[in-house]
N, C-alpha and C. Protein backbone atom coordinates (compact mmCIF):
# COMPACT_ATOMS: atom_id res chain seq x y z
N MET A 1 -8.09 -10.85 8.81
CA MET A 1 -7.89 -10.70 10.24
C MET A 1 -6.41 -10.88 10.61
N LYS A 2 -5.76 -11.86 9.98
CA LYS A 2 -4.35 -12.10 10.26
C LYS A 2 -3.51 -10.90 9.86
N LEU A 3 -3.89 -10.27 8.73
CA LEU A 3 -3.15 -9.10 8.26
C LEU A 3 -3.27 -7.96 9.26
N ILE A 4 -4.46 -7.75 9.79
CA ILE A 4 -4.67 -6.68 10.77
C ILE A 4 -3.86 -6.96 12.03
N LEU A 5 -3.87 -8.20 12.48
CA LEU A 5 -3.11 -8.57 13.68
C LEU A 5 -1.62 -8.38 13.44
N ALA A 6 -1.14 -8.80 12.28
CA ALA A 6 0.28 -8.63 11.97
C ALA A 6 0.64 -7.15 11.91
N ALA A 7 -0.23 -6.35 11.33
CA ALA A 7 0.02 -4.91 11.26
C ALA A 7 0.07 -4.32 12.66
N GLY A 8 -0.84 -4.74 13.53
CA GLY A 8 -0.85 -4.24 14.90
C GLY A 8 0.41 -4.60 15.66
N ILE A 9 0.85 -5.82 15.48
CA ILE A 9 2.08 -6.25 16.14
C ILE A 9 3.26 -5.46 15.60
N GLY A 10 3.29 -5.28 14.29
CA GLY A 10 4.36 -4.50 13.67
C GLY A 10 4.38 -3.07 14.15
N LEU A 11 3.22 -2.45 14.28
CA LEU A 11 3.15 -1.08 14.75
C LEU A 11 3.62 -0.98 16.19
N ALA A 12 3.25 -1.95 17.01
CA ALA A 12 3.69 -1.93 18.40
C ALA A 12 5.20 -2.02 18.48
N ALA A 13 5.79 -2.82 17.61
CA ALA A 13 7.25 -2.95 17.60
C ALA A 13 7.91 -1.65 17.17
N VAL A 14 7.26 -0.92 16.27
CA VAL A 14 7.82 0.35 15.79
C VAL A 14 7.93 1.34 16.94
N VAL A 15 6.87 1.46 17.73
CA VAL A 15 6.88 2.42 18.83
C VAL A 15 7.64 1.88 20.02
N GLY A 16 7.52 0.62 20.30
CA GLY A 16 8.29 0.02 21.38
C GLY A 16 7.63 0.11 22.73
N GLY A 17 6.32 0.14 22.78
CA GLY A 17 5.61 0.13 24.05
C GLY A 17 5.07 1.49 24.43
N THR A 18 4.22 1.47 25.44
CA THR A 18 3.51 2.68 25.83
C THR A 18 4.39 3.73 26.47
N GLY A 19 5.50 3.35 27.02
CA GLY A 19 6.36 4.32 27.69
C GLY A 19 6.89 5.40 26.77
N VAL A 20 7.21 5.02 25.54
CA VAL A 20 7.76 5.97 24.58
C VAL A 20 6.72 7.03 24.24
N ALA A 21 5.52 6.58 23.86
CA ALA A 21 4.48 7.54 23.49
C ALA A 21 4.03 8.35 24.71
N TYR A 22 4.01 7.73 25.87
CA TYR A 22 3.61 8.44 27.07
C TYR A 22 4.53 9.62 27.33
N ALA A 23 5.83 9.41 27.17
CA ALA A 23 6.79 10.50 27.39
C ALA A 23 6.55 11.63 26.41
N MET A 24 6.26 11.29 25.15
CA MET A 24 5.98 12.32 24.15
C MET A 24 4.73 13.10 24.50
N LEU A 25 3.71 12.39 24.95
CA LEU A 25 2.44 13.05 25.26
C LEU A 25 2.55 13.99 26.46
N GLN A 26 3.43 13.68 27.38
CA GLN A 26 3.61 14.55 28.53
C GLN A 26 4.24 15.88 28.15
N ALA A 27 4.94 15.89 27.02
CA ALA A 27 5.67 17.08 26.60
C ALA A 27 4.83 18.05 25.78
N ASP A 28 3.58 17.70 25.48
CA ASP A 28 2.77 18.62 24.69
C ASP A 28 1.51 19.02 25.46
N ALA A 29 0.76 19.93 24.89
CA ALA A 29 -0.43 20.49 25.55
C ALA A 29 -1.71 19.77 25.14
N SER A 30 -1.59 18.55 24.63
CA SER A 30 -2.76 17.86 24.10
C SER A 30 -3.84 17.60 25.15
N ALA A 31 -3.46 17.30 26.37
CA ALA A 31 -4.46 17.00 27.40
C ALA A 31 -5.37 18.19 27.66
N SER A 32 -4.80 19.36 27.82
CA SER A 32 -5.64 20.54 28.08
C SER A 32 -6.45 20.92 26.85
N LEU A 33 -5.89 20.72 25.68
CA LEU A 33 -6.64 21.02 24.46
C LEU A 33 -7.81 20.06 24.29
N ARG A 34 -7.59 18.77 24.54
CA ARG A 34 -8.69 17.79 24.47
C ARG A 34 -9.77 18.13 25.48
N ALA A 35 -9.36 18.53 26.67
CA ALA A 35 -10.32 18.84 27.73
C ALA A 35 -11.21 20.03 27.37
N SER A 36 -10.75 20.88 26.46
CA SER A 36 -11.55 22.04 26.06
C SER A 36 -12.79 21.64 25.28
N GLY A 37 -12.79 20.43 24.70
CA GLY A 37 -13.91 19.97 23.89
C GLY A 37 -13.89 20.53 22.47
N LYS A 38 -12.87 21.30 22.16
CA LYS A 38 -12.76 21.89 20.82
C LYS A 38 -11.72 21.18 19.96
N VAL A 39 -11.02 20.24 20.57
CA VAL A 39 -9.92 19.54 19.91
C VAL A 39 -10.05 18.05 20.23
N GLY A 40 -9.69 17.21 19.28
CA GLY A 40 -9.73 15.78 19.52
C GLY A 40 -8.56 15.06 18.90
N GLU A 41 -8.42 13.82 19.29
CA GLU A 41 -7.35 12.97 18.74
C GLU A 41 -7.84 12.31 17.46
N GLN A 42 -6.91 12.11 16.54
CA GLN A 42 -7.24 11.50 15.26
C GLN A 42 -6.46 10.21 15.07
N ALA A 43 -6.98 9.34 14.22
CA ALA A 43 -6.37 8.04 13.96
C ALA A 43 -5.00 8.15 13.31
N ASP A 44 -4.66 9.33 12.79
CA ASP A 44 -3.35 9.50 12.16
C ASP A 44 -2.26 9.92 13.15
N GLY A 45 -2.62 10.03 14.44
CA GLY A 45 -1.63 10.38 15.46
C GLY A 45 -1.50 11.87 15.73
N TYR A 46 -2.34 12.67 15.11
CA TYR A 46 -2.29 14.12 15.28
C TYR A 46 -3.59 14.63 15.89
N LEU A 47 -3.52 15.83 16.47
CA LEU A 47 -4.72 16.49 16.97
C LEU A 47 -5.47 17.11 15.82
N GLY A 48 -6.77 17.25 15.99
CA GLY A 48 -7.59 17.94 15.00
C GLY A 48 -8.57 18.85 15.71
N VAL A 49 -9.03 19.86 15.01
CA VAL A 49 -10.01 20.80 15.54
C VAL A 49 -11.41 20.24 15.27
N VAL A 50 -12.22 20.20 16.31
CA VAL A 50 -13.60 19.73 16.19
C VAL A 50 -14.45 20.96 15.87
N GLY A 51 -14.97 21.03 14.66
CA GLY A 51 -15.76 22.20 14.27
C GLY A 51 -14.86 23.36 13.87
N SER A 52 -15.33 24.55 14.17
CA SER A 52 -14.54 25.74 13.82
C SER A 52 -13.71 26.19 15.02
N ALA A 53 -12.67 26.95 14.72
CA ALA A 53 -11.79 27.41 15.80
C ALA A 53 -11.18 28.75 15.42
N ASP A 54 -10.86 29.53 16.44
CA ASP A 54 -10.19 30.80 16.19
C ASP A 54 -8.71 30.55 15.90
N ALA A 55 -8.03 31.59 15.49
CA ALA A 55 -6.62 31.49 15.11
C ALA A 55 -5.74 31.03 16.27
N SER A 56 -6.06 31.44 17.47
CA SER A 56 -5.26 31.06 18.64
C SER A 56 -5.33 29.56 18.89
N LEU A 57 -6.52 29.00 18.83
CA LEU A 57 -6.66 27.56 19.04
C LEU A 57 -5.97 26.79 17.92
N ARG A 58 -6.14 27.22 16.70
CA ARG A 58 -5.47 26.55 15.58
C ARG A 58 -3.95 26.60 15.74
N ALA A 59 -3.43 27.71 16.23
CA ALA A 59 -1.99 27.83 16.45
C ALA A 59 -1.52 26.86 17.53
N GLN A 60 -2.32 26.68 18.58
CA GLN A 60 -1.96 25.74 19.64
C GLN A 60 -1.95 24.30 19.11
N VAL A 61 -2.96 23.95 18.33
CA VAL A 61 -3.03 22.61 17.73
C VAL A 61 -1.85 22.40 16.79
N ASP A 62 -1.55 23.39 15.98
CA ASP A 62 -0.42 23.30 15.07
C ASP A 62 0.89 23.09 15.83
N ALA A 63 1.05 23.80 16.94
CA ALA A 63 2.28 23.68 17.74
C ALA A 63 2.44 22.25 18.28
N VAL A 64 1.35 21.68 18.77
CA VAL A 64 1.40 20.29 19.26
C VAL A 64 1.74 19.35 18.11
N ASN A 65 1.08 19.54 16.99
CA ASN A 65 1.30 18.65 15.86
C ASN A 65 2.71 18.77 15.29
N ILE A 66 3.29 19.94 15.35
CA ILE A 66 4.68 20.11 14.91
C ILE A 66 5.61 19.31 15.83
N LYS A 67 5.37 19.37 17.14
CA LYS A 67 6.18 18.58 18.08
C LYS A 67 6.00 17.09 17.85
N ARG A 68 4.75 16.70 17.62
CA ARG A 68 4.50 15.28 17.37
C ARG A 68 5.21 14.83 16.09
N ARG A 69 5.11 15.62 15.05
CA ARG A 69 5.75 15.25 13.78
C ARG A 69 7.27 15.10 13.98
N ALA A 70 7.86 15.99 14.75
CA ALA A 70 9.30 15.88 15.02
C ALA A 70 9.61 14.60 15.78
N TYR A 71 8.79 14.28 16.76
CA TYR A 71 8.95 13.04 17.54
C TYR A 71 8.82 11.82 16.62
N TYR A 72 7.77 11.81 15.81
CA TYR A 72 7.54 10.68 14.90
C TYR A 72 8.71 10.53 13.92
N THR A 73 9.20 11.63 13.41
CA THR A 73 10.31 11.61 12.46
C THR A 73 11.56 11.04 13.10
N ASP A 74 11.87 11.50 14.31
CA ASP A 74 13.04 11.03 15.02
C ASP A 74 12.94 9.54 15.32
N LEU A 75 11.81 9.11 15.85
CA LEU A 75 11.65 7.71 16.20
C LEU A 75 11.64 6.83 14.96
N ALA A 76 11.03 7.29 13.89
CA ALA A 76 11.01 6.52 12.65
C ALA A 76 12.43 6.31 12.12
N SER A 77 13.25 7.34 12.18
CA SER A 77 14.62 7.19 11.68
C SER A 77 15.42 6.24 12.55
N LYS A 78 15.17 6.24 13.85
CA LYS A 78 15.88 5.33 14.76
C LYS A 78 15.44 3.89 14.58
N ARG A 79 14.17 3.70 14.21
CA ARG A 79 13.61 2.34 14.11
C ARG A 79 13.57 1.82 12.67
N GLY A 80 13.97 2.63 11.72
CA GLY A 80 13.89 2.20 10.33
C GLY A 80 12.46 2.01 9.86
N ALA A 81 11.58 2.87 10.34
CA ALA A 81 10.16 2.78 10.00
C ALA A 81 9.72 4.04 9.27
N LYS A 82 8.51 3.99 8.77
CA LYS A 82 7.92 5.17 8.14
C LYS A 82 7.31 6.06 9.22
N ILE A 83 7.34 7.36 8.98
CA ILE A 83 6.75 8.31 9.92
C ILE A 83 5.29 7.98 10.18
N GLU A 84 4.57 7.65 9.12
CA GLU A 84 3.14 7.34 9.25
C GLU A 84 2.90 6.10 10.12
N GLU A 85 3.83 5.14 10.09
CA GLU A 85 3.69 3.95 10.93
C GLU A 85 3.85 4.31 12.41
N VAL A 86 4.82 5.14 12.70
CA VAL A 86 5.04 5.57 14.08
C VAL A 86 3.84 6.39 14.57
N ALA A 87 3.35 7.29 13.73
CA ALA A 87 2.20 8.12 14.10
C ALA A 87 0.97 7.25 14.36
N ALA A 88 0.73 6.27 13.49
CA ALA A 88 -0.43 5.38 13.65
C ALA A 88 -0.31 4.54 14.92
N ALA A 89 0.89 4.04 15.19
CA ALA A 89 1.09 3.25 16.41
C ALA A 89 0.86 4.09 17.65
N THR A 90 1.30 5.32 17.61
CA THR A 90 1.08 6.23 18.74
C THR A 90 -0.40 6.53 18.90
N ALA A 91 -1.11 6.68 17.78
CA ALA A 91 -2.56 6.90 17.85
C ALA A 91 -3.25 5.75 18.56
N CYS A 92 -2.79 4.53 18.32
CA CYS A 92 -3.37 3.36 19.01
C CYS A 92 -3.24 3.52 20.52
N GLU A 93 -2.08 3.97 20.96
CA GLU A 93 -1.85 4.16 22.40
C GLU A 93 -2.67 5.32 22.95
N ILE A 94 -2.74 6.40 22.19
CA ILE A 94 -3.51 7.57 22.62
C ILE A 94 -4.97 7.19 22.78
N PHE A 95 -5.52 6.48 21.80
CA PHE A 95 -6.93 6.10 21.85
C PHE A 95 -7.20 5.19 23.05
N ALA A 96 -6.24 4.33 23.36
CA ALA A 96 -6.43 3.38 24.46
C ALA A 96 -6.30 4.01 25.83
N SER A 97 -5.49 5.08 25.94
CA SER A 97 -5.19 5.55 27.29
C SER A 97 -5.36 7.05 27.55
N ARG A 98 -5.54 7.86 26.55
CA ARG A 98 -5.52 9.30 26.76
C ARG A 98 -6.83 10.03 26.48
N VAL A 99 -7.73 9.43 25.71
CA VAL A 99 -8.99 10.11 25.39
C VAL A 99 -9.97 9.83 26.52
N GLY A 100 -10.27 10.87 27.29
CA GLY A 100 -11.13 10.72 28.46
C GLY A 100 -12.60 10.89 28.14
N PRO A 101 -13.45 10.56 29.09
CA PRO A 101 -14.89 10.76 28.91
C PRO A 101 -15.21 12.21 28.53
N GLY A 102 -16.07 12.36 27.53
CA GLY A 102 -16.46 13.68 27.07
C GLY A 102 -15.52 14.26 26.02
N GLN A 103 -14.38 13.62 25.80
CA GLN A 103 -13.42 14.13 24.82
C GLN A 103 -13.70 13.53 23.45
N TYR A 104 -13.20 14.20 22.43
CA TYR A 104 -13.47 13.81 21.05
C TYR A 104 -12.32 13.03 20.43
N PHE A 105 -12.70 12.16 19.49
CA PHE A 105 -11.74 11.39 18.72
C PHE A 105 -12.32 11.17 17.33
N ARG A 106 -11.43 10.92 16.39
CA ARG A 106 -11.86 10.69 15.01
C ARG A 106 -11.12 9.49 14.45
N LEU A 107 -11.89 8.50 14.04
CA LEU A 107 -11.34 7.32 13.41
C LEU A 107 -11.04 7.62 11.94
N GLY A 108 -10.61 6.63 11.20
CA GLY A 108 -10.26 6.81 9.81
C GLY A 108 -11.42 7.21 8.91
N ASP A 109 -12.66 7.08 9.39
CA ASP A 109 -13.81 7.44 8.56
C ASP A 109 -14.08 8.95 8.55
N GLY A 110 -13.33 9.70 9.35
CA GLY A 110 -13.45 11.16 9.35
C GLY A 110 -14.57 11.73 10.21
N VAL A 111 -15.26 10.90 10.96
CA VAL A 111 -16.39 11.36 11.78
C VAL A 111 -15.91 11.60 13.22
N TRP A 112 -16.17 12.81 13.74
CA TRP A 112 -15.84 13.09 15.13
C TRP A 112 -16.85 12.40 16.03
N ARG A 113 -16.36 11.77 17.09
CA ARG A 113 -17.20 11.11 18.09
C ARG A 113 -16.77 11.59 19.46
N GLN A 114 -17.73 11.62 20.37
CA GLN A 114 -17.42 12.01 21.74
C GLN A 114 -17.48 10.77 22.61
N ARG A 115 -16.43 10.56 23.37
CA ARG A 115 -16.39 9.38 24.23
C ARG A 115 -17.36 9.56 25.39
N ASP A 116 -18.16 8.52 25.63
CA ASP A 116 -19.01 8.56 26.82
C ASP A 116 -18.19 8.00 27.98
N GLY A 117 -18.71 8.06 29.15
CA GLY A 117 -17.94 7.69 30.33
C GLY A 117 -17.81 6.21 30.58
N SER A 118 -18.58 5.37 29.88
CA SER A 118 -18.60 3.96 30.24
C SER A 118 -17.93 3.03 29.23
N THR A 119 -17.68 3.47 28.04
CA THR A 119 -17.10 2.58 27.05
C THR A 119 -15.73 3.09 26.59
N PRO A 120 -14.84 2.17 26.30
CA PRO A 120 -13.54 2.60 25.79
C PRO A 120 -13.66 3.16 24.37
N VAL A 121 -12.68 3.90 23.98
CA VAL A 121 -12.64 4.44 22.62
C VAL A 121 -12.34 3.28 21.67
N PRO A 122 -13.15 3.13 20.63
CA PRO A 122 -12.80 2.10 19.65
C PRO A 122 -11.50 2.50 18.96
N ARG A 123 -10.67 1.52 18.73
CA ARG A 123 -9.39 1.83 18.10
C ARG A 123 -9.44 1.43 16.63
N PRO A 124 -8.63 2.08 15.83
CA PRO A 124 -8.57 1.72 14.40
C PRO A 124 -8.22 0.24 14.25
N ASP A 125 -8.67 -0.35 13.15
CA ASP A 125 -8.46 -1.77 12.89
C ASP A 125 -6.99 -2.17 12.95
N TYR A 126 -6.10 -1.29 12.53
CA TYR A 126 -4.69 -1.65 12.48
C TYR A 126 -4.04 -1.74 13.86
N CYS A 127 -4.75 -1.35 14.89
CA CYS A 127 -4.18 -1.41 16.24
C CYS A 127 -4.05 -2.83 16.76
N GLY A 128 -4.82 -3.74 16.23
CA GLY A 128 -4.73 -5.14 16.65
C GLY A 128 -5.42 -5.45 17.93
């Protein structure tokens, strides 16, 4: 438990609070893609396709993920962190504040889940 808490604190320090990730999220099309019900947020900080998708939807998801990867890379280099750490920390924030009722998310176990309207999205263990 202490290790998970320490990891969560460390990840929060890497990203530096919700304002940083919030600004990144405003710059991509993830909200409209999540609202479609065909795309969801993943524990690795990237969008994923729920089920099958046509080439256009896959291209939109890829475009968002390319922007996210660039953001994670830039922030990681500024903070002396690994890209995966920044992505995971951002996923913690996304799960806590951006996945709305009826939208999909996927934890580290690889199973897509749909958020109901009354309970928060469970966050990965490393979120603290």
